[in-house]
Amino acid sequence: MLHLQLRVPRHRLPEVTELLQNDDTVTNVAVFADGYAKPPGALVLADVAREGANPVVAALRALDLHHSGSIMLSEPGTILSDAARAAEAAAPGEPDDGVVWDVVENRVRSESVLSWSFCSFLTLATLIAGAGRLLDQPILIVGAMVVGPEFSPVAAICLALARPRLSLLPGAVRTLTVGFAIAVLVATPLWWLGHLTGLVSAEQAASGELTSFIVKPDVWSLVIALLAGVAGVLSLTTSKSGPLVGVFISVTTVPAVGTIALCLGAGVWSEVGDAALQLGLNLLGMLVAGTVTLLVERVVWSRIQSSGKAGAWPRARALP
């Protein structure tokens, strides 16, 4: 179940309460006529089945509530209620499979902003990956993959293309490209200083059988990236977030960027191109697979919710 908290202008209150009360996937509706003081408005609370949230939110949007009032969705930890169980039973599909597009969009939009923290984590991940390649330590490569935050803008690009929400595209592309550029620009001089002081040698930077996969892009690089893209998008759109960590440690994006910075600093020019190709293949695979997965989910859930099992929201069905 998802929890709805609405700020409703007084003139919209009868319509909103009627909409919520007439939908079988909504329960625990509470209305406080003067619940908000700034801005003024009625406070309406309700619980909605995750699988039925899209048409409910779309109908509220059709009333312009996201502009004249506010719509807040949150996920309570536990609800003990027969009425909530009945609302879930009235919704199509399974709760774990439900895709709430507004929640997904809000998440990728906020996590794909080019911020100080994003650049910091990406730079640290790049340095750790470079050290992993230098020392030929796969455990450091895995650590760098987990630290790297680059999947969020990748997911935002996929959503921008599949939803479509083209307003997401410029910011996500900027975050990804500028973030990688900053990470390389910071890491490369540090590896260069290490090379000048004798801590880093060109031979070390260009050797290491355990981490050589970073500079050996092949068809399996693309295959793994495709699978990771599917898994990553599914973990973002459903309530199963655990597999997202597996995505982080399966694609060679941050390790490739770390190797590029290491090779540039140590003067190993021959491996820069291979690492860049590895990066490109992984990004391409995730973008293609993630976009296709979102398109499939959009079509499937649009058909499920138009089957009549998710309640009577005629205006919502026009907004898959």
C-alpha atoms as a PDB file:
ATOM      1  CA  MET A   1       0.000   0.000   0.000  1.00  0.00           C
ATOM      2  CA  LEU A   2       0.986   3.618  -0.592  1.00  0.00           C
ATOM      3  CA  HIS A   3      -0.089   6.516   1.599  1.00  0.00           C
ATOM      4  CA  LEU A   4      -1.646   9.586  -0.040  1.00  0.00           C
ATOM      5  CA  GLN A   5      -1.513  13.015   1.575  1.00  0.00           C
ATOM      6  CA  LEU A   6      -3.290  15.723  -0.383  1.00  0.00           C
ATOM      7  CA  ARG A   7      -3.679  19.462  -0.011  1.00  0.00           C
ATOM      8  CA  VAL A   8      -6.965  20.232  -1.708  1.00  0.00           C
ATOM      9  CA  PRO A   9      -8.443  23.667  -2.475  1.00  0.00           C
ATOM     10  CA  ARG A  10     -11.871  24.049  -0.932  1.00  0.00           C
ATOM     11  CA  HIS A  11     -13.675  24.151  -4.294  1.00  0.00           C
ATOM     12  CA  ARG A  12     -12.061  20.844  -5.320  1.00  0.00           C
ATOM     13  CA  LEU A  13     -12.764  18.964  -2.096  1.00  0.00           C
ATOM     14  CA  PRO A  14     -16.092  17.357  -3.123  1.00  0.00           C
ATOM     15  CA  GLU A  15     -14.614  16.057  -6.399  1.00  0.00           C
ATOM     16  CA  VAL A  16     -11.489  14.680  -4.760  1.00  0.00           C
ATOM     17  CA  THR A  17     -13.316  12.900  -1.971  1.00  0.00           C
ATOM     18  CA  GLU A  18     -15.818  11.423  -4.421  1.00  0.00           C
ATOM     19  CA  LEU A  19     -13.039  10.140  -6.642  1.00  0.00           C
ATOM     20  CA  LEU A  20     -11.258   8.486  -3.740  1.00  0.00           C
ATOM     21  CA  GLN A  21     -14.387   6.987  -2.220  1.00  0.00           C
ATOM     22  CA  ASN A  22     -15.540   5.512  -5.531  1.00  0.00           C
ATOM     23  CA  ASP A  23     -12.323   3.609  -6.199  1.00  0.00           C
ATOM     24  CA  ASP A  24     -12.054   0.105  -4.773  1.00  0.00           C
ATOM     25  CA  THR A  25      -8.268   0.271  -4.573  1.00  0.00           C
ATOM     26  CA  VAL A  26      -8.440   3.241  -2.165  1.00  0.00           C
ATOM     27  CA  THR A  27      -9.265   2.954   1.527  1.00  0.00           C
ATOM     28  CA  ASN A  28      -8.809   4.720   4.868  1.00  0.00           C
ATOM     29  CA  VAL A  29      -9.977   8.050   3.438  1.00  0.00           C
ATOM     30  CA  ALA A  30      -9.879  10.878   5.974  1.00  0.00           C
ATOM     31  CA  VAL A  31     -10.862  14.511   5.356  1.00  0.00           C
ATOM     32  CA  PHE A  32      -9.903  17.563   7.437  1.00  0.00           C
ATOM     33  CA  ALA A  33     -11.587  20.616   5.968  1.00  0.00           C
ATOM     34  CA  ASP A  34      -9.088  23.166   7.322  1.00  0.00           C
ATOM     35  CA  GLY A  35      -6.070  20.909   7.688  1.00  0.00           C
ATOM     36  CA  TYR A  36      -3.606  23.265   5.985  1.00  0.00           C
ATOM     37  CA  ALA A  37      -2.855  26.822   7.059  1.00  0.00           C
ATOM     38  CA  LYS A  38      -0.029  27.725   4.636  1.00  0.00           C
ATOM     39  CA  PRO A  39      -1.110  27.547   1.905  1.00  0.00           C
ATOM     40  CA  PRO A  40      -4.700  27.096   3.056  1.00  0.00           C
ATOM     41  CA  GLY A  41      -6.585  24.000   2.001  1.00  0.00           C
ATOM     42  CA  ALA A  42      -8.177  20.789   3.104  1.00  0.00           C
ATOM     43  CA  LEU A  43      -6.063  17.852   4.253  1.00  0.00           C
ATOM     44  CA  VAL A  44      -7.121  14.562   2.681  1.00  0.00           C
ATOM     45  CA  LEU A  45      -5.457  11.313   3.689  1.00  0.00           C
ATOM     46  CA  ALA A  46      -5.918   7.927   2.046  1.00  0.00           C
ATOM     47  CA  ASP A  47      -4.215   4.608   1.389  1.00  0.00           C
ATOM     48  CA  VAL A  48      -4.071   3.226  -2.141  1.00  0.00           C
ATOM     49  CA  ALA A  49      -2.929  -0.131  -3.457  1.00  0.00           C
ATOM     50  CA  ARG A  50       0.428   0.207  -5.183  1.00  0.00           C
ATOM     51  CA  GLU A  51      -0.911  -1.443  -8.363  1.00  0.00           C
ATOM     52  CA  GLY A  52      -3.768   1.058  -8.543  1.00  0.00           C
ATOM     53  CA  ALA A  53      -1.798   4.200  -7.719  1.00  0.00           C
ATOM     54  CA  ASN A  54      -1.159   5.306 -11.323  1.00  0.00           C
ATOM     55  CA  PRO A  55      -4.809   5.845 -12.295  1.00  0.00           C
ATOM     56  CA  VAL A  56      -5.536   7.484  -8.945  1.00  0.00           C
ATOM     57  CA  VAL A  57      -2.685   9.961  -9.288  1.00  0.00           C
ATOM     58  CA  ALA A  58      -3.526  10.569 -12.948  1.00  0.00           C
ATOM     59  CA  ALA A  59      -7.119  11.411 -12.016  1.00  0.00           C
ATOM     60  CA  LEU A  60      -5.916  13.818  -9.334  1.00  0.00           C
ATOM     61  CA  ARG A  61      -3.605  15.412 -11.885  1.00  0.00           C
ATOM     62  CA  ALA A  62      -6.569  15.759 -14.240  1.00  0.00           C
ATOM     63  CA  LEU A  63      -8.154  17.930 -11.546  1.00  0.00           C
ATOM     64  CA  ASP A  64      -4.964  20.070 -11.614  1.00  0.00           C
ATOM     65  CA  LEU A  65      -4.324  19.176  -7.997  1.00  0.00           C
ATOM     66  CA  HIS A  66      -0.554  19.055  -8.529  1.00  0.00           C
ATOM     67  CA  HIS A  67      -0.702  22.786  -9.335  1.00  0.00           C
ATOM     68  CA  SER A  68      -3.585  24.128  -7.249  1.00  0.00           C
ATOM     69  CA  GLY A  69      -2.808  21.878  -4.292  1.00  0.00           C
ATOM     70  CA  SER A  70      -0.280  19.134  -3.615  1.00  0.00           C
ATOM     71  CA  ILE A  71       0.000  15.358  -3.952  1.00  0.00           C
ATOM     72  CA  MET A  72       2.348  13.420  -1.694  1.00  0.00           C
ATOM     73  CA  LEU A  73       2.968   9.690  -1.982  1.00  0.00           C
ATOM     74  CA  SER A  74       4.840   7.723   0.666  1.00  0.00           C
ATOM     75  CA  GLU A  75       5.283   4.063   1.489  1.00  0.00           C
ATOM     76  CA  PRO A  76       4.342   3.086   5.047  1.00  0.00           C
ATOM     77  CA  GLY A  77       6.291   0.267   6.612  1.00  0.00           C
ATOM     78  CA  THR A  78       3.377  -1.791   7.889  1.00  0.00           C
ATOM     79  CA  ILE A  79      -0.403  -1.561   7.592  1.00  0.00           C
ATOM     80  CA  LEU A  80      -2.579  -3.950   9.605  1.00  0.00           C
ATOM     81  CA  SER A  81      -6.019  -3.556   8.093  1.00  0.00           C
ATOM     82  CA  ASP A  82      -8.632  -5.782   6.488  1.00  0.00           C
ATOM     83  CA  ALA A  83      -9.761  -2.768   4.447  1.00  0.00           C
ATOM     84  CA  ALA A  84      -6.229  -2.329   3.087  1.00  0.00           C
ATOM     85  CA  ARG A  85      -6.087  -6.025   2.221  1.00  0.00           C
ATOM     86  CA  ALA A  86      -9.393  -5.701   0.365  1.00  0.00           C
ATOM     87  CA  ALA A  87      -8.084  -2.672  -1.563  1.00  0.00           C
ATOM     88  CA  GLU A  88      -5.012  -4.647  -2.621  1.00  0.00           C
ATOM     89  CA  ALA A  89      -7.204  -7.533  -3.718  1.00  0.00           C
ATOM     90  CA  ALA A  90      -9.255  -5.156  -5.885  1.00  0.00           C
ATOM     91  CA  ALA A  91      -6.140  -3.920  -7.684  1.00  0.00           C
ATOM     92  CA  PRO A  92      -4.707  -5.802 -10.693  1.00  0.00           C
ATOM     93  CA  GLY A  93      -1.449  -7.729 -10.485  1.00  0.00           C
ATOM     94  CA  GLU A  94       0.848  -8.154  -7.504  1.00  0.00           C
ATOM     95  CA  PRO A  95       1.981  -5.344  -5.173  1.00  0.00           C
ATOM     96  CA  ASP A  96       5.680  -6.075  -5.738  1.00  0.00           C
ATOM     97  CA  ASP A  97       5.203  -5.687  -9.505  1.00  0.00           C
ATOM     98  CA  GLY A  98       3.293  -2.408  -9.402  1.00  0.00           C
ATOM     99  CA  VAL A  99       4.969   0.512 -11.182  1.00  0.00           C
ATOM    100  CA  VAL A 100       4.130   3.970  -9.848  1.00  0.00           C
ATOM    101  CA  TRP A 101       5.477   6.246 -12.546  1.00  0.00           C
ATOM    102  CA  ASP A 102       5.412   9.453 -10.529  1.00  0.00           C
ATOM    103  CA  VAL A 103       7.450   7.829  -7.761  1.00  0.00           C
ATOM    104  CA  VAL A 104       9.978   6.483 -10.267  1.00  0.00           C
ATOM    105  CA  GLU A 105      10.273   9.834 -12.030  1.00  0.00           C
ATOM    106  CA  ASN A 106      10.704  11.742  -8.792  1.00  0.00           C
ATOM    107  CA  ARG A 107      13.399   9.326  -7.648  1.00  0.00           C
ATOM    108  CA  VAL A 108      15.520   9.422 -10.799  1.00  0.00           C
ATOM    109  CA  ARG A 109      15.042  13.185 -11.140  1.00  0.00           C
ATOM    110  CA  SER A 110      16.355  13.850  -7.630  1.00  0.00           C
ATOM    111  CA  GLU A 111      19.179  11.283  -7.804  1.00  0.00           C
ATOM    112  CA  SER A 112      20.469  12.407 -11.212  1.00  0.00           C
ATOM    113  CA  VAL A 113      21.141  16.027 -10.275  1.00  0.00           C
ATOM    114  CA  LEU A 114      24.705  17.200 -10.862  1.00  0.00           C
ATOM    115  CA  SER A 115      25.577  17.950  -7.262  1.00  0.00           C
ATOM    116  CA  TRP A 116      28.645  18.140  -5.076  1.00  0.00           C
ATOM    117  CA  SER A 117      27.854  14.781  -3.497  1.00  0.00           C
ATOM    118  CA  PHE A 118      27.348  13.084  -6.887  1.00  0.00           C
ATOM    119  CA  CYS A 119      30.693  14.342  -8.190  1.00  0.00           C
ATOM    120  CA  SER A 120      32.416  13.468  -4.912  1.00  0.00           C
ATOM    121  CA  PHE A 121      31.190   9.874  -4.879  1.00  0.00           C
ATOM    122  CA  LEU A 122      31.960   9.427  -8.577  1.00  0.00           C
ATOM    123  CA  THR A 123      35.470  10.843  -8.141  1.00  0.00           C
ATOM    124  CA  LEU A 124      36.149   8.635  -5.120  1.00  0.00           C
ATOM    125  CA  ALA A 125      34.856   5.615  -7.024  1.00  0.00           C
ATOM    126  CA  THR A 126      37.123   6.530  -9.952  1.00  0.00           C
ATOM    127  CA  LEU A 127      40.175   6.737  -7.683  1.00  0.00           C
ATOM    128  CA  ILE A 128      39.331   3.430  -6.007  1.00  0.00           C
ATOM    129  CA  ALA A 129      38.880   1.785  -9.405  1.00  0.00           C
ATOM    130  CA  GLY A 130      42.207   3.175 -10.578  1.00  0.00           C
ATOM    131  CA  ALA A 131      43.899   1.774  -7.489  1.00  0.00           C
ATOM    132  CA  GLY A 132      42.226  -1.563  -8.123  1.00  0.00           C
ATOM    133  CA  ARG A 133      43.603  -1.667 -11.649  1.00  0.00           C
ATOM    134  CA  LEU A 134      47.071  -0.522 -10.506  1.00  0.00           C
ATOM    135  CA  LEU A 135      47.281  -3.153  -7.751  1.00  0.00           C
ATOM    136  CA  ASP A 136      45.343  -5.757  -9.758  1.00  0.00           C
ATOM    137  CA  GLN A 137      42.837  -6.173  -6.899  1.00  0.00           C
ATOM    138  CA  PRO A 138      39.304  -7.137  -8.028  1.00  0.00           C
ATOM    139  CA  ILE A 139      37.934  -6.400  -4.538  1.00  0.00           C
ATOM    140  CA  LEU A 140      38.809  -2.728  -5.046  1.00  0.00           C
ATOM    141  CA  ILE A 141      37.089  -2.786  -8.428  1.00  0.00           C
ATOM    142  CA  VAL A 142      33.947  -4.179  -6.783  1.00  0.00           C
ATOM    143  CA  GLY A 143      34.138  -1.493  -4.089  1.00  0.00           C
ATOM    144  CA  ALA A 144      34.419   1.211  -6.732  1.00  0.00           C
ATOM    145  CA  MET A 145      31.376  -0.174  -8.555  1.00  0.00           C
ATOM    146  CA  VAL A 146      29.297   0.007  -5.380  1.00  0.00           C
ATOM    147  CA  VAL A 147      30.394   3.568  -4.547  1.00  0.00           C
ATOM    148  CA  GLY A 148      29.761   4.902  -8.055  1.00  0.00           C
ATOM    149  CA  PRO A 149      26.388   6.719  -8.424  1.00  0.00           C
ATOM    150  CA  GLU A 150      26.317   6.750 -12.230  1.00  0.00           C
ATOM    151  CA  PHE A 151      23.330   4.424 -12.672  1.00  0.00           C
ATOM    152  CA  SER A 152      20.888   7.133 -11.542  1.00  0.00           C
ATOM    153  CA  PRO A 153      21.445   9.451 -14.546  1.00  0.00           C
ATOM    154  CA  VAL A 154      21.492   6.389 -16.813  1.00  0.00           C
ATOM    155  CA  ALA A 155      18.057   5.423 -15.460  1.00  0.00           C
ATOM    156  CA  ALA A 156      16.874   9.016 -15.896  1.00  0.00           C
ATOM    157  CA  ILE A 157      17.879   8.950 -19.569  1.00  0.00           C
ATOM    158  CA  CYS A 158      16.005   5.666 -20.047  1.00  0.00           C
ATOM    159  CA  LEU A 159      12.884   7.109 -18.414  1.00  0.00           C
ATOM    160  CA  ALA A 160      13.150  10.297 -20.464  1.00  0.00           C
ATOM    161  CA  LEU A 161      13.125   8.240 -23.667  1.00  0.00           C
ATOM    162  CA  ALA A 162      10.540   5.627 -22.681  1.00  0.00           C
ATOM    163  CA  ARG A 163       7.957   7.571 -20.689  1.00  0.00           C
ATOM    164  CA  PRO A 164       8.608  10.002 -22.455  1.00  0.00           C
ATOM    165  CA  ARG A 165       9.787  12.785 -20.180  1.00  0.00           C
ATOM    166  CA  LEU A 166      12.175  14.689 -22.402  1.00  0.00           C
ATOM    167  CA  SER A 167      12.643  17.389 -19.779  1.00  0.00           C
ATOM    168  CA  LEU A 168      14.726  14.847 -17.846  1.00  0.00           C
ATOM    169  CA  LEU A 169      17.123  14.265 -20.737  1.00  0.00           C
ATOM    170  CA  PRO A 170      19.366  17.382 -20.740  1.00  0.00           C
ATOM    171  CA  GLY A 171      20.004  17.280 -17.005  1.00  0.00           C
ATOM    172  CA  ALA A 172      20.697  13.536 -16.909  1.00  0.00           C
ATOM    173  CA  VAL A 173      23.081  13.691 -19.884  1.00  0.00           C
ATOM    174  CA  ARG A 174      24.853  16.672 -18.337  1.00  0.00           C
ATOM    175  CA  THR A 175      25.200  14.907 -14.992  1.00  0.00           C
ATOM    176  CA  LEU A 176      26.645  11.790 -16.598  1.00  0.00           C
ATOM    177  CA  THR A 177      29.104  13.503 -18.942  1.00  0.00           C
ATOM    178  CA  VAL A 178      30.205  16.296 -16.619  1.00  0.00           C
ATOM    179  CA  GLY A 179      30.440  13.879 -13.700  1.00  0.00           C
ATOM    180  CA  PHE A 180      32.742  11.533 -15.599  1.00  0.00           C
ATOM    181  CA  ALA A 181      34.790  14.488 -16.882  1.00  0.00           C
ATOM    182  CA  ILE A 182      35.268  15.920 -13.384  1.00  0.00           C
ATOM    183  CA  ALA A 183      36.242  12.509 -12.016  1.00  0.00           C
ATOM    184  CA  VAL A 184      38.900  12.072 -14.719  1.00  0.00           C
ATOM    185  CA  LEU A 185      40.154  15.648 -14.356  1.00  0.00           C
ATOM    186  CA  VAL A 186      40.627  15.188 -10.609  1.00  0.00           C
ATOM    187  CA  ALA A 187      42.035  11.659 -10.690  1.00  0.00           C
ATOM    188  CA  THR A 188      44.462  12.067 -13.599  1.00  0.00           C
ATOM    189  CA  PRO A 189      46.743  14.707 -11.958  1.00  0.00           C
ATOM    190  CA  LEU A 190      46.875  12.607  -8.785  1.00  0.00           C
ATOM    191  CA  TRP A 191      48.035   9.545 -10.736  1.00  0.00           C
ATOM    192  CA  TRP A 192      50.495  11.788 -12.616  1.00  0.00           C
ATOM    193  CA  LEU A 193      51.966  12.968  -9.305  1.00  0.00           C
ATOM    194  CA  GLY A 194      52.194   9.353  -8.206  1.00  0.00           C
ATOM    195  CA  HIS A 195      54.013   8.555 -11.441  1.00  0.00           C
ATOM    196  CA  LEU A 196      56.465  11.427 -10.930  1.00  0.00           C
ATOM    197  CA  THR A 197      57.267  10.325  -7.372  1.00  0.00           C
ATOM    198  CA  GLY A 198      57.735   6.698  -8.359  1.00  0.00           C
ATOM    199  CA  LEU A 199      54.644   5.356  -6.569  1.00  0.00           C
ATOM    200  CA  VAL A 200      52.970   4.532  -9.885  1.00  0.00           C
ATOM    201  CA  SER A 201      54.741   2.942 -12.805  1.00  0.00           C
ATOM    202  CA  ALA A 202      53.548   2.536 -16.365  1.00  0.00           C
ATOM    203  CA  GLU A 203      54.240  -1.195 -16.113  1.00  0.00           C
ATOM    204  CA  GLN A 204      51.946  -1.552 -13.095  1.00  0.00           C
ATOM    205  CA  ALA A 205      49.213   0.475 -14.735  1.00  0.00           C
ATOM    206  CA  ALA A 206      49.311  -1.652 -17.889  1.00  0.00           C
ATOM    207  CA  SER A 207      49.488  -5.081 -16.248  1.00  0.00           C
ATOM    208  CA  GLY A 208      47.307  -7.230 -14.055  1.00  0.00           C
ATOM    209  CA  GLU A 209      45.524 -10.336 -15.261  1.00  0.00           C
ATOM    210  CA  LEU A 210      42.781 -10.243 -12.626  1.00  0.00           C
ATOM    211  CA  THR A 211      41.527  -6.832 -13.769  1.00  0.00           C
ATOM    212  CA  SER A 212      42.437  -7.068 -17.453  1.00  0.00           C
ATOM    213  CA  PHE A 213      38.745  -7.376 -18.381  1.00  0.00           C
ATOM    214  CA  ILE A 214      38.510  -3.601 -18.027  1.00  0.00           C
ATOM    215  CA  VAL A 215      40.671  -3.078 -21.108  1.00  0.00           C
ATOM    216  CA  LYS A 216      39.344  -6.053 -23.057  1.00  0.00           C
ATOM    217  CA  PRO A 217      35.893  -5.038 -24.303  1.00  0.00           C
ATOM    218  CA  ASP A 218      34.055  -7.784 -26.177  1.00  0.00           C
ATOM    219  CA  VAL A 219      30.564  -9.000 -26.956  1.00  0.00           C
ATOM    220  CA  TRP A 220      30.137 -10.197 -23.365  1.00  0.00           C
ATOM    221  CA  SER A 221      30.665  -6.656 -22.133  1.00  0.00           C
ATOM    222  CA  LEU A 222      27.580  -5.630 -24.085  1.00  0.00           C
ATOM    223  CA  VAL A 223      25.578  -8.704 -23.055  1.00  0.00           C
ATOM    224  CA  ILE A 224      26.249  -8.127 -19.356  1.00  0.00           C
ATOM    225  CA  ALA A 225      25.409  -4.434 -19.705  1.00  0.00           C
ATOM    226  CA  LEU A 226      22.088  -5.334 -21.359  1.00  0.00           C
ATOM    227  CA  LEU A 227      21.200  -7.708 -18.537  1.00  0.00           C
ATOM    228  CA  ALA A 228      22.284  -5.178 -15.921  1.00  0.00           C
ATOM    229  CA  GLY A 229      20.162  -2.494 -17.555  1.00  0.00           C
ATOM    230  CA  VAL A 230      17.075  -4.683 -17.317  1.00  0.00           C
ATOM    231  CA  ALA A 231      17.794  -5.613 -13.696  1.00  0.00           C
ATOM    232  CA  GLY A 232      18.522  -2.031 -12.693  1.00  0.00           C
ATOM    233  CA  VAL A 233      15.337  -0.616 -14.185  1.00  0.00           C
ATOM    234  CA  LEU A 234      13.214  -3.395 -12.684  1.00  0.00           C
ATOM    235  CA  SER A 235      14.684  -2.706  -9.255  1.00  0.00           C
ATOM    236  CA  LEU A 236      13.856   0.997  -9.613  1.00  0.00           C
ATOM    237  CA  THR A 237      10.303   0.573 -10.870  1.00  0.00           C
ATOM    238  CA  THR A 238       9.194  -2.178  -8.512  1.00  0.00           C
ATOM    239  CA  SER A 239       9.450  -2.432  -4.751  1.00  0.00           C
ATOM    240  CA  LYS A 240      12.447  -4.771  -5.004  1.00  0.00           C
ATOM    241  CA  SER A 241      15.431  -2.447  -4.511  1.00  0.00           C
ATOM    242  CA  GLY A 242      17.951  -5.072  -3.411  1.00  0.00           C
ATOM    243  CA  PRO A 243      19.006  -6.146  -6.934  1.00  0.00           C
ATOM    244  CA  LEU A 244      20.184  -2.599  -7.656  1.00  0.00           C
ATOM    245  CA  VAL A 245      23.396  -3.286  -5.743  1.00  0.00           C
ATOM    246  CA  GLY A 246      23.985  -6.240  -8.044  1.00  0.00           C
ATOM    247  CA  VAL A 247      23.745  -3.897 -11.009  1.00  0.00           C
ATOM    248  CA  PHE A 248      26.407  -1.657  -9.505  1.00  0.00           C
ATOM    249  CA  ILE A 249      28.886  -4.533  -9.285  1.00  0.00           C
ATOM    250  CA  SER A 250      28.184  -6.010 -12.703  1.00  0.00           C
ATOM    251  CA  VAL A 251      28.867  -3.189 -15.168  1.00  0.00           C
ATOM    252  CA  THR A 252      32.296  -1.812 -16.042  1.00  0.00           C
ATOM    253  CA  THR A 253      31.571   1.907 -16.111  1.00  0.00           C
ATOM    254  CA  VAL A 254      33.442   3.312 -13.117  1.00  0.00           C
ATOM    255  CA  PRO A 255      36.313   0.783 -13.513  1.00  0.00           C
ATOM    256  CA  ALA A 256      36.737   1.951 -17.101  1.00  0.00           C
ATOM    257  CA  VAL A 257      36.757   5.616 -16.081  1.00  0.00           C
ATOM    258  CA  GLY A 258      39.238   4.860 -13.286  1.00  0.00           C
ATOM    259  CA  THR A 259      41.492   3.035 -15.733  1.00  0.00           C
ATOM    260  CA  ILE A 260      41.329   5.936 -18.191  1.00  0.00           C
ATOM    261  CA  ALA A 261      42.474   8.362 -15.491  1.00  0.00           C
ATOM    262  CA  LEU A 262      45.215   5.976 -14.327  1.00  0.00           C
ATOM    263  CA  CYS A 263      46.519   5.408 -17.843  1.00  0.00           C
ATOM    264  CA  LEU A 264      46.480   9.114 -18.650  1.00  0.00           C
ATOM    265  CA  GLY A 265      48.409   9.901 -15.469  1.00  0.00           C
ATOM    266  CA  ALA A 266      50.946   7.092 -15.971  1.00  0.00           C
ATOM    267  CA  GLY A 267      51.328   7.677 -19.694  1.00  0.00           C
ATOM    268  CA  VAL A 268      49.902   4.333 -20.803  1.00  0.00           C
ATOM    269  CA  TRP A 269      48.202   5.661 -23.910  1.00  0.00           C
ATOM    270  CA  SER A 270      47.638   2.276 -25.508  1.00  0.00           C
ATOM    271  CA  GLU A 271      44.961   1.264 -22.998  1.00  0.00           C
ATOM    272  CA  VAL A 272      43.014   4.527 -22.876  1.00  0.00           C
ATOM    273  CA  GLY A 273      41.077   3.704 -26.043  1.00  0.00           C
ATOM    274  CA  ASP A 274      40.190   0.176 -24.890  1.00  0.00           C
ATOM    275  CA  ALA A 275      38.924   1.444 -21.538  1.00  0.00           C
ATOM    276  CA  ALA A 276      36.895   4.155 -23.298  1.00  0.00           C
ATOM    277  CA  LEU A 277      35.371   1.516 -25.587  1.00  0.00           C
ATOM    278  CA  GLN A 278      34.497  -0.599 -22.560  1.00  0.00           C
ATOM    279  CA  LEU A 279      32.787   2.411 -21.000  1.00  0.00           C
ATOM    280  CA  GLY A 280      30.848   3.123 -24.184  1.00  0.00           C
ATOM    281  CA  LEU A 281      29.669  -0.478 -24.574  1.00  0.00           C
ATOM    282  CA  ASN A 282      28.446  -0.634 -20.985  1.00  0.00           C
ATOM    283  CA  LEU A 283      26.585   2.663 -21.203  1.00  0.00           C
ATOM    284  CA  LEU A 284      25.046   1.705 -24.536  1.00  0.00           C
ATOM    285  CA  GLY A 285      23.890  -1.660 -23.238  1.00  0.00           C
ATOM    286  CA  MET A 286      22.297  -0.205 -20.116  1.00  0.00           C
ATOM    287  CA  LEU A 287      20.586   2.602 -22.021  1.00  0.00           C
ATOM    288  CA  VAL A 288      19.109   0.299 -24.659  1.00  0.00           C
ATOM    289  CA  ALA A 289      18.006  -2.402 -22.226  1.00  0.00           C
ATOM    290  CA  GLY A 290      16.673   0.070 -19.663  1.00  0.00           C
ATOM    291  CA  THR A 291      14.654   2.004 -22.228  1.00  0.00           C
ATOM    292  CA  VAL A 292      13.151  -1.140 -23.755  1.00  0.00           C
ATOM    293  CA  THR A 293      12.290  -2.514 -20.307  1.00  0.00           C
ATOM    294  CA  LEU A 294      10.481   0.692 -19.370  1.00  0.00           C
ATOM    295  CA  LEU A 295       8.561   0.653 -22.649  1.00  0.00           C
ATOM    296  CA  VAL A 296       7.449  -2.925 -22.019  1.00  0.00           C
ATOM    297  CA  GLU A 297       6.407  -2.102 -18.450  1.00  0.00           C
ATOM    298  CA  ARG A 298       4.492   0.940 -19.647  1.00  0.00           C
ATOM    299  CA  VAL A 299       2.541  -1.067 -22.237  1.00  0.00           C
ATOM    300  CA  VAL A 300       1.856  -3.975 -19.891  1.00  0.00           C
ATOM    301  CA  TRP A 301       0.625  -1.848 -16.991  1.00  0.00           C
ATOM    302  CA  SER A 302      -1.408   0.387 -19.262  1.00  0.00           C
ATOM    303  CA  ARG A 303      -3.287  -2.681 -20.489  1.00  0.00           C
ATOM    304  CA  ILE A 304      -3.678  -4.129 -17.004  1.00  0.00           C
ATOM    305  CA  GLN A 305      -5.076  -0.904 -15.607  1.00  0.00           C
ATOM    306  CA  SER A 306      -7.443  -0.447 -18.538  1.00  0.00           C
ATOM    307  CA  SER A 307      -8.921  -3.902 -17.966  1.00  0.00           C
ATOM    308  CA  GLY A 308     -11.393  -2.470 -15.472  1.00  0.00           C
ATOM    309  CA  LYS A 309      -9.915  -4.117 -12.378  1.00  0.00           C
ATOM    310  CA  ALA A 310      -8.290  -0.971 -11.072  1.00  0.00           C
ATOM    311  CA  GLY A 311     -11.482   0.981 -10.568  1.00  0.00           C
ATOM    312  CA  ALA A 312     -13.351   3.499 -12.671  1.00  0.00           C
ATOM    313  CA  TRP A 313     -10.924   6.223 -13.660  1.00  0.00           C
ATOM    314  CA  PRO A 314     -11.698   7.035 -17.305  1.00  0.00           C
ATOM    315  CA  ARG A 315      -9.492  10.094 -17.436  1.00  0.00           C
ATOM    316  CA  ALA A 316      -6.584   8.241 -15.838  1.00  0.00           C
ATOM    317  CA  ARG A 317      -6.553   5.577 -18.530  1.00  0.00           C
ATOM    318  CA  ALA A 318      -5.777   8.196 -21.120  1.00  0.00           C
ATOM    319  CA  LEU A 319      -2.560   8.936 -19.231  1.00  0.00           C
ATOM    320  CA  PRO A 320      -0.596   5.645 -19.083  1.00  0.00           C
END
